[in-house]
């Protein structure tokens, strides 16, 4: 069973998405040091949404969601700030995994876990997935029109289409986690359709515009 360093967060990394991170707590500086010592194509760790607790401080995390996303390090840089060392890191989402158990044998200040990487059927040529994909893209255009927003066309294969649509929506982490936990493309697209219909109805009925997240903002540990 693979062992993977974990980085619990208040946000969700999706496969294919990129997330900037700032590491400054000693335990995560230790993780950064370990990653830097690995060959560039082997710098990987796991990002998991915190179910209870918060990101910063000893004992802050009390419970984690069961499904997370493997993070591949695309770039790392070390900086010295007034309060000490900060590592700036850009992570890219790769494989989904199930959190099986904490790795009690790992002698690390950060959490290390035993995980199982999740597989799913190839959706290529699946008529249901193709239909759901067309419906989701149409619903996304309606959502954007209701918001008065514009964006580039969503370009993705059927496996990752739900992830790419969610990246262009303003959702709380729990909704993003629901999409991440979808076991196949059809399940994820059905979830995204429900989210699009809900969010569009809220804006249309109440005129309540969600606050977009800062696209350049970095998650902190």
C-alpha atoms as a PDB file:
ATOM      1  CA  UNK A   1       0.000   0.000   0.000  1.00  0.00           C
ATOM      2  CA  UNK A   2       1.580   3.339  -1.040  1.00  0.00           C
ATOM      3  CA  UNK A   3       2.649   5.810   1.633  1.00  0.00           C
ATOM      4  CA  UNK A   4       2.115   9.508   0.884  1.00  0.00           C
ATOM      5  CA  UNK A   5       2.971  12.721   2.794  1.00  0.00           C
ATOM      6  CA  UNK A   6      -0.231  14.673   3.490  1.00  0.00           C
ATOM      7  CA  UNK A   7      -0.937  18.386   3.402  1.00  0.00           C
ATOM      8  CA  UNK A   8      -4.390  18.984   4.958  1.00  0.00           C
ATOM      9  CA  UNK A   9      -6.088  22.116   3.640  1.00  0.00           C
ATOM     10  CA  UNK A  10      -9.312  24.072   3.825  1.00  0.00           C
ATOM     11  CA  UNK A  11      -9.538  23.828   0.034  1.00  0.00           C
ATOM     12  CA  UNK A  12      -9.805  21.058  -2.553  1.00  0.00           C
ATOM     13  CA  UNK A  13      -7.288  20.250  -5.275  1.00  0.00           C
ATOM     14  CA  UNK A  14      -8.876  18.702  -8.366  1.00  0.00           C
ATOM     15  CA  UNK A  15      -7.074  16.502 -10.915  1.00  0.00           C
ATOM     16  CA  UNK A  16      -5.534  18.685 -13.588  1.00  0.00           C
ATOM     17  CA  UNK A  17      -5.913  21.895 -11.550  1.00  0.00           C
ATOM     18  CA  UNK A  18      -3.063  24.003 -10.191  1.00  0.00           C
ATOM     19  CA  UNK A  19      -2.847  25.395  -6.685  1.00  0.00           C
ATOM     20  CA  UNK A  20      -0.255  27.837  -5.292  1.00  0.00           C
ATOM     21  CA  UNK A  21       0.864  27.126  -1.721  1.00  0.00           C
ATOM     22  CA  UNK A  22       2.972  28.927   0.844  1.00  0.00           C
ATOM     23  CA  UNK A  23       4.741  26.679   3.367  1.00  0.00           C
ATOM     24  CA  UNK A  24       6.115  28.230   6.539  1.00  0.00           C
ATOM     25  CA  UNK A  25       5.277  25.973   9.494  1.00  0.00           C
ATOM     26  CA  UNK A  26       8.330  23.898  10.533  1.00  0.00           C
ATOM     27  CA  UNK A  27       6.624  20.584   9.768  1.00  0.00           C
ATOM     28  CA  UNK A  28       5.803  21.686   6.214  1.00  0.00           C
ATOM     29  CA  UNK A  29       9.241  23.171   5.698  1.00  0.00           C
ATOM     30  CA  UNK A  30      10.456  19.660   6.532  1.00  0.00           C
ATOM     31  CA  UNK A  31       8.082  18.335   3.872  1.00  0.00           C
ATOM     32  CA  UNK A  32       9.417  20.894   1.370  1.00  0.00           C
ATOM     33  CA  UNK A  33      12.975  19.798   2.182  1.00  0.00           C
ATOM     34  CA  UNK A  34      12.012  16.184   1.512  1.00  0.00           C
ATOM     35  CA  UNK A  35      10.362  17.123  -1.785  1.00  0.00           C
ATOM     36  CA  UNK A  36      13.380  19.159  -2.877  1.00  0.00           C
ATOM     37  CA  UNK A  37      15.611  16.126  -2.291  1.00  0.00           C
ATOM     38  CA  UNK A  38      13.510  13.979  -4.655  1.00  0.00           C
ATOM     39  CA  UNK A  39      14.003  13.844  -8.436  1.00  0.00           C
ATOM     40  CA  UNK A  40      11.789  16.483 -10.057  1.00  0.00           C
ATOM     41  CA  UNK A  41       9.383  13.936 -11.547  1.00  0.00           C
ATOM     42  CA  UNK A  42       8.924  12.234  -8.143  1.00  0.00           C
ATOM     43  CA  UNK A  43       8.000  15.285  -6.043  1.00  0.00           C
ATOM     44  CA  UNK A  44       4.526  14.265  -4.929  1.00  0.00           C
ATOM     45  CA  UNK A  45       2.345  14.584  -1.826  1.00  0.00           C
ATOM     46  CA  UNK A  46      -1.355  14.415  -0.991  1.00  0.00           C
ATOM     47  CA  UNK A  47      -3.813  17.261  -0.432  1.00  0.00           C
ATOM     48  CA  UNK A  48      -6.877  16.387   1.649  1.00  0.00           C
ATOM     49  CA  UNK A  49      -9.776  18.604   2.690  1.00  0.00           C
ATOM     50  CA  UNK A  50     -10.072  19.176   6.425  1.00  0.00           C
ATOM     51  CA  UNK A  51     -13.434  17.960   7.724  1.00  0.00           C
ATOM     52  CA  UNK A  52     -12.974  19.381  11.230  1.00  0.00           C
ATOM     53  CA  UNK A  53     -10.335  21.834  12.384  1.00  0.00           C
ATOM     54  CA  UNK A  54      -8.198  24.334  10.541  1.00  0.00           C
ATOM     55  CA  UNK A  55      -4.920  24.527   8.659  1.00  0.00           C
ATOM     56  CA  UNK A  56      -2.520  26.268  11.032  1.00  0.00           C
ATOM     57  CA  UNK A  57      -1.246  25.251  14.468  1.00  0.00           C
ATOM     58  CA  UNK A  58      -0.410  22.083  16.354  1.00  0.00           C
ATOM     59  CA  UNK A  59      -3.376  19.763  16.666  1.00  0.00           C
ATOM     60  CA  UNK A  60      -5.477  22.029  14.434  1.00  0.00           C
ATOM     61  CA  UNK A  61      -6.697  19.196  12.205  1.00  0.00           C
ATOM     62  CA  UNK A  62      -9.154  16.894  13.961  1.00  0.00           C
ATOM     63  CA  UNK A  63     -10.668  15.013  11.020  1.00  0.00           C
ATOM     64  CA  UNK A  64     -10.018  14.632   7.290  1.00  0.00           C
ATOM     65  CA  UNK A  65     -12.170  13.653   4.337  1.00  0.00           C
ATOM     66  CA  UNK A  66     -11.562  10.157   3.023  1.00  0.00           C
ATOM     67  CA  UNK A  67     -10.745  11.097  -0.586  1.00  0.00           C
ATOM     68  CA  UNK A  68      -7.918  13.409  -1.588  1.00  0.00           C
ATOM     69  CA  UNK A  69      -5.839  14.312  -4.615  1.00  0.00           C
ATOM     70  CA  UNK A  70      -2.192  13.597  -5.293  1.00  0.00           C
ATOM     71  CA  UNK A  71      -0.251  16.830  -5.844  1.00  0.00           C
ATOM     72  CA  UNK A  72       2.684  16.949  -8.256  1.00  0.00           C
ATOM     73  CA  UNK A  73       5.143  19.782  -7.644  1.00  0.00           C
ATOM     74  CA  UNK A  74       5.425  21.940 -10.765  1.00  0.00           C
ATOM     75  CA  UNK A  75       7.630  24.637  -9.199  1.00  0.00           C
ATOM     76  CA  UNK A  76       9.293  25.447  -5.877  1.00  0.00           C
ATOM     77  CA  UNK A  77      11.111  28.537  -4.640  1.00  0.00           C
ATOM     78  CA  UNK A  78      12.612  29.465  -1.283  1.00  0.00           C
ATOM     79  CA  UNK A  79      12.251  32.968   0.143  1.00  0.00           C
ATOM     80  CA  UNK A  80      13.322  34.618   3.377  1.00  0.00           C
ATOM     81  CA  UNK A  81      10.584  36.767   4.912  1.00  0.00           C
ATOM     82  CA  UNK A  82      10.601  38.929   8.012  1.00  0.00           C
ATOM     83  CA  UNK A  83       9.096  36.081  10.023  1.00  0.00           C
ATOM     84  CA  UNK A  84      11.404  33.396   8.646  1.00  0.00           C
ATOM     85  CA  UNK A  85      11.643  31.006   5.722  1.00  0.00           C
ATOM     86  CA  UNK A  86       8.766  30.588   3.272  1.00  0.00           C
ATOM     87  CA  UNK A  87       8.576  28.037   0.478  1.00  0.00           C
ATOM     88  CA  UNK A  88       6.417  29.025  -2.488  1.00  0.00           C
ATOM     89  CA  UNK A  89       5.143  25.956  -4.284  1.00  0.00           C
ATOM     90  CA  UNK A  90       2.823  25.330  -7.233  1.00  0.00           C
ATOM     91  CA  UNK A  91       1.025  21.989  -7.083  1.00  0.00           C
ATOM     92  CA  UNK A  92      -0.805  20.253  -9.919  1.00  0.00           C
ATOM     93  CA  UNK A  93      -3.551  17.739  -9.214  1.00  0.00           C
ATOM     94  CA  UNK A  94      -2.897  14.193 -10.429  1.00  0.00           C
ATOM     95  CA  UNK A  95      -4.486  10.969  -9.170  1.00  0.00           C
ATOM     96  CA  UNK A  96      -7.340  10.696  -6.702  1.00  0.00           C
ATOM     97  CA  UNK A  97      -6.706   8.534  -3.653  1.00  0.00           C
ATOM     98  CA  UNK A  98      -8.532   7.058  -0.689  1.00  0.00           C
ATOM     99  CA  UNK A  99      -7.049   7.699   2.736  1.00  0.00           C
ATOM    100  CA  UNK A 100      -6.753   4.250   4.326  1.00  0.00           C
ATOM    101  CA  UNK A 101      -4.768   4.833   7.518  1.00  0.00           C
ATOM    102  CA  UNK A 102      -2.106   6.986   9.063  1.00  0.00           C
ATOM    103  CA  UNK A 103       1.390   5.608   8.570  1.00  0.00           C
ATOM    104  CA  UNK A 104       2.429   5.110  12.180  1.00  0.00           C
ATOM    105  CA  UNK A 105       5.878   3.917  11.099  1.00  0.00           C
ATOM    106  CA  UNK A 106       6.733   7.205   9.390  1.00  0.00           C
ATOM    107  CA  UNK A 107       9.025   9.352  11.512  1.00  0.00           C
ATOM    108  CA  UNK A 108       7.902  12.756  10.210  1.00  0.00           C
ATOM    109  CA  UNK A 109       6.596  15.899  11.860  1.00  0.00           C
ATOM    110  CA  UNK A 110       3.959  16.149   9.113  1.00  0.00           C
ATOM    111  CA  UNK A 111       1.258  13.535   8.617  1.00  0.00           C
ATOM    112  CA  UNK A 112       2.072  10.565   6.411  1.00  0.00           C
ATOM    113  CA  UNK A 113      -0.692   8.197   5.342  1.00  0.00           C
ATOM    114  CA  UNK A 114      -1.248   4.879   3.660  1.00  0.00           C
ATOM    115  CA  UNK A 115      -3.416   5.450   0.584  1.00  0.00           C
ATOM    116  CA  UNK A 116      -5.024   3.576  -2.274  1.00  0.00           C
ATOM    117  CA  UNK A 117      -5.039   5.302  -5.652  1.00  0.00           C
ATOM    118  CA  UNK A 118      -8.495   5.193  -7.202  1.00  0.00           C
ATOM    119  CA  UNK A 119      -9.175   3.831 -10.663  1.00  0.00           C
ATOM    120  CA  UNK A 120     -12.247   4.306 -12.823  1.00  0.00           C
ATOM    121  CA  UNK A 121     -13.558   3.140 -16.202  1.00  0.00           C
ATOM    122  CA  UNK A 122     -12.481   4.954 -19.361  1.00  0.00           C
ATOM    123  CA  UNK A 123     -15.472   7.105 -20.412  1.00  0.00           C
ATOM    124  CA  UNK A 124     -14.381   7.435 -24.059  1.00  0.00           C
ATOM    125  CA  UNK A 125     -17.269   6.494 -26.341  1.00  0.00           C
ATOM    126  CA  UNK A 126     -19.779   6.284 -23.481  1.00  0.00           C
ATOM    127  CA  UNK A 127     -23.035   7.726 -24.881  1.00  0.00           C
ATOM    128  CA  UNK A 128     -24.365   8.667 -21.434  1.00  0.00           C
ATOM    129  CA  UNK A 129     -21.196  10.569 -20.563  1.00  0.00           C
ATOM    130  CA  UNK A 130     -21.304  12.402 -23.904  1.00  0.00           C
ATOM    131  CA  UNK A 131     -24.922  13.459 -23.302  1.00  0.00           C
ATOM    132  CA  UNK A 132     -24.200  14.545 -19.729  1.00  0.00           C
ATOM    133  CA  UNK A 133     -21.182  16.496 -20.952  1.00  0.00           C
ATOM    134  CA  UNK A 134     -23.228  18.440 -23.501  1.00  0.00           C
ATOM    135  CA  UNK A 135     -25.883  19.192 -20.867  1.00  0.00           C
ATOM    136  CA  UNK A 136     -23.255  20.318 -18.350  1.00  0.00           C
ATOM    137  CA  UNK A 137     -21.603  22.668 -20.864  1.00  0.00           C
ATOM    138  CA  UNK A 138     -24.977  24.173 -21.794  1.00  0.00           C
ATOM    139  CA  UNK A 139     -25.887  24.598 -18.101  1.00  0.00           C
ATOM    140  CA  UNK A 140     -22.520  26.226 -17.475  1.00  0.00           C
ATOM    141  CA  UNK A 141     -23.139  28.769 -20.250  1.00  0.00           C
ATOM    142  CA  UNK A 142     -26.517  29.574 -18.664  1.00  0.00           C
ATOM    143  CA  UNK A 143     -24.851  29.952 -15.277  1.00  0.00           C
ATOM    144  CA  UNK A 144     -22.312  32.394 -16.688  1.00  0.00           C
ATOM    145  CA  UNK A 145     -24.992  34.374 -18.500  1.00  0.00           C
ATOM    146  CA  UNK A 146     -26.993  34.658 -15.267  1.00  0.00           C
ATOM    147  CA  UNK A 147     -23.879  35.911 -13.483  1.00  0.00           C
ATOM    148  CA  UNK A 148     -23.139  38.357 -16.280  1.00  0.00           C
ATOM    149  CA  UNK A 149     -19.735  36.753 -16.629  1.00  0.00           C
ATOM    150  CA  UNK A 150     -17.675  35.572 -19.563  1.00  0.00           C
ATOM    151  CA  UNK A 151     -14.914  33.018 -19.744  1.00  0.00           C
ATOM    152  CA  UNK A 152     -12.967  30.978 -22.252  1.00  0.00           C
ATOM    153  CA  UNK A 153     -14.596  27.852 -23.584  1.00  0.00           C
ATOM    154  CA  UNK A 154     -14.150  24.786 -21.395  1.00  0.00           C
ATOM    155  CA  UNK A 155     -11.858  22.379 -23.194  1.00  0.00           C
ATOM    156  CA  UNK A 156     -11.472  18.920 -21.734  1.00  0.00           C
ATOM    157  CA  UNK A 157     -11.889  15.267 -22.413  1.00  0.00           C
ATOM    158  CA  UNK A 158     -14.898  13.491 -20.874  1.00  0.00           C
ATOM    159  CA  UNK A 159     -12.991  12.132 -17.860  1.00  0.00           C
ATOM    160  CA  UNK A 160     -12.008  15.587 -16.558  1.00  0.00           C
ATOM    161  CA  UNK A 161     -14.824  17.778 -17.911  1.00  0.00           C
ATOM    162  CA  UNK A 162     -16.579  18.038 -14.541  1.00  0.00           C
ATOM    163  CA  UNK A 163     -13.351  19.193 -12.893  1.00  0.00           C
ATOM    164  CA  UNK A 164     -12.756  21.895 -15.512  1.00  0.00           C
ATOM    165  CA  UNK A 165     -16.318  23.236 -15.165  1.00  0.00           C
ATOM    166  CA  UNK A 166     -16.015  23.332 -11.369  1.00  0.00           C
ATOM    167  CA  UNK A 167     -12.784  25.341 -11.702  1.00  0.00           C
ATOM    168  CA  UNK A 168     -14.883  28.049 -13.387  1.00  0.00           C
ATOM    169  CA  UNK A 169     -17.556  28.119 -10.681  1.00  0.00           C
ATOM    170  CA  UNK A 170     -17.698  29.826  -7.283  1.00  0.00           C
ATOM    171  CA  UNK A 171     -18.346  26.953  -4.873  1.00  0.00           C
ATOM    172  CA  UNK A 172     -17.522  26.150  -1.285  1.00  0.00           C
ATOM    173  CA  UNK A 173     -14.995  23.377  -0.573  1.00  0.00           C
ATOM    174  CA  UNK A 174     -17.711  20.898   0.389  1.00  0.00           C
ATOM    175  CA  UNK A 175     -19.242  21.103  -3.095  1.00  0.00           C
ATOM    176  CA  UNK A 176     -15.842  20.680  -4.723  1.00  0.00           C
ATOM    177  CA  UNK A 177     -15.219  17.664  -2.491  1.00  0.00           C
ATOM    178  CA  UNK A 178     -18.462  16.068  -3.714  1.00  0.00           C
ATOM    179  CA  UNK A 179     -17.174  16.310  -7.275  1.00  0.00           C
ATOM    180  CA  UNK A 180     -13.754  14.949  -6.321  1.00  0.00           C
ATOM    181  CA  UNK A 181     -15.374  11.939  -4.658  1.00  0.00           C
ATOM    182  CA  UNK A 182     -17.368  11.021  -7.781  1.00  0.00           C
ATOM    183  CA  UNK A 183     -16.231   7.555  -8.779  1.00  0.00           C
ATOM    184  CA  UNK A 184     -16.587   8.026 -12.542  1.00  0.00           C
ATOM    185  CA  UNK A 185     -17.152  10.701 -15.169  1.00  0.00           C
ATOM    186  CA  UNK A 186     -20.941  10.224 -15.320  1.00  0.00           C
ATOM    187  CA  UNK A 187     -21.332  10.569 -11.545  1.00  0.00           C
ATOM    188  CA  UNK A 188     -19.225  13.734 -11.499  1.00  0.00           C
ATOM    189  CA  UNK A 189     -21.151  15.297 -14.381  1.00  0.00           C
ATOM    190  CA  UNK A 190     -24.483  14.592 -12.695  1.00  0.00           C
ATOM    191  CA  UNK A 191     -23.178  16.275  -9.551  1.00  0.00           C
ATOM    192  CA  UNK A 192     -21.972  19.286 -11.542  1.00  0.00           C
ATOM    193  CA  UNK A 193     -25.337  19.580 -13.300  1.00  0.00           C
ATOM    194  CA  UNK A 194     -27.109  19.682  -9.932  1.00  0.00           C
ATOM    195  CA  UNK A 195     -24.687  22.315  -8.649  1.00  0.00           C
ATOM    196  CA  UNK A 196     -25.104  24.452 -11.769  1.00  0.00           C
ATOM    197  CA  UNK A 197     -28.882  24.291 -11.535  1.00  0.00           C
ATOM    198  CA  UNK A 198     -28.795  25.211  -7.842  1.00  0.00           C
ATOM    199  CA  UNK A 199     -26.380  28.107  -8.241  1.00  0.00           C
ATOM    200  CA  UNK A 200     -28.154  29.504 -11.302  1.00  0.00           C
ATOM    201  CA  UNK A 201     -31.515  29.377  -9.506  1.00  0.00           C
ATOM    202  CA  UNK A 202     -30.112  31.206  -6.458  1.00  0.00           C
ATOM    203  CA  UNK A 203     -28.690  34.024  -8.563  1.00  0.00           C
ATOM    204  CA  UNK A 204     -31.763  34.226 -10.772  1.00  0.00           C
ATOM    205  CA  UNK A 205     -34.212  34.333  -7.874  1.00  0.00           C
ATOM    206  CA  UNK A 206     -32.384  36.388  -5.272  1.00  0.00           C
ATOM    207  CA  UNK A 207     -29.855  38.305  -7.338  1.00  0.00           C
ATOM    208  CA  UNK A 208     -27.197  36.997  -4.960  1.00  0.00           C
ATOM    209  CA  UNK A 209     -23.851  37.032  -6.708  1.00  0.00           C
ATOM    210  CA  UNK A 210     -21.165  34.788  -5.231  1.00  0.00           C
ATOM    211  CA  UNK A 211     -17.832  36.375  -4.355  1.00  0.00           C
ATOM    212  CA  UNK A 212     -15.180  35.034  -6.738  1.00  0.00           C
ATOM    213  CA  UNK A 213     -12.053  33.671  -5.072  1.00  0.00           C
ATOM    214  CA  UNK A 214      -8.747  35.420  -5.686  1.00  0.00           C
ATOM    215  CA  UNK A 215      -7.372  33.484  -8.679  1.00  0.00           C
ATOM    216  CA  UNK A 216      -3.826  34.330  -7.669  1.00  0.00           C
ATOM    217  CA  UNK A 217      -4.258  33.660  -3.979  1.00  0.00           C
ATOM    218  CA  UNK A 218      -2.158  31.025  -2.300  1.00  0.00           C
ATOM    219  CA  UNK A 219      -3.266  28.550   0.315  1.00  0.00           C
ATOM    220  CA  UNK A 220      -1.331  28.890   3.556  1.00  0.00           C
ATOM    221  CA  UNK A 221      -0.378  26.184   6.002  1.00  0.00           C
END
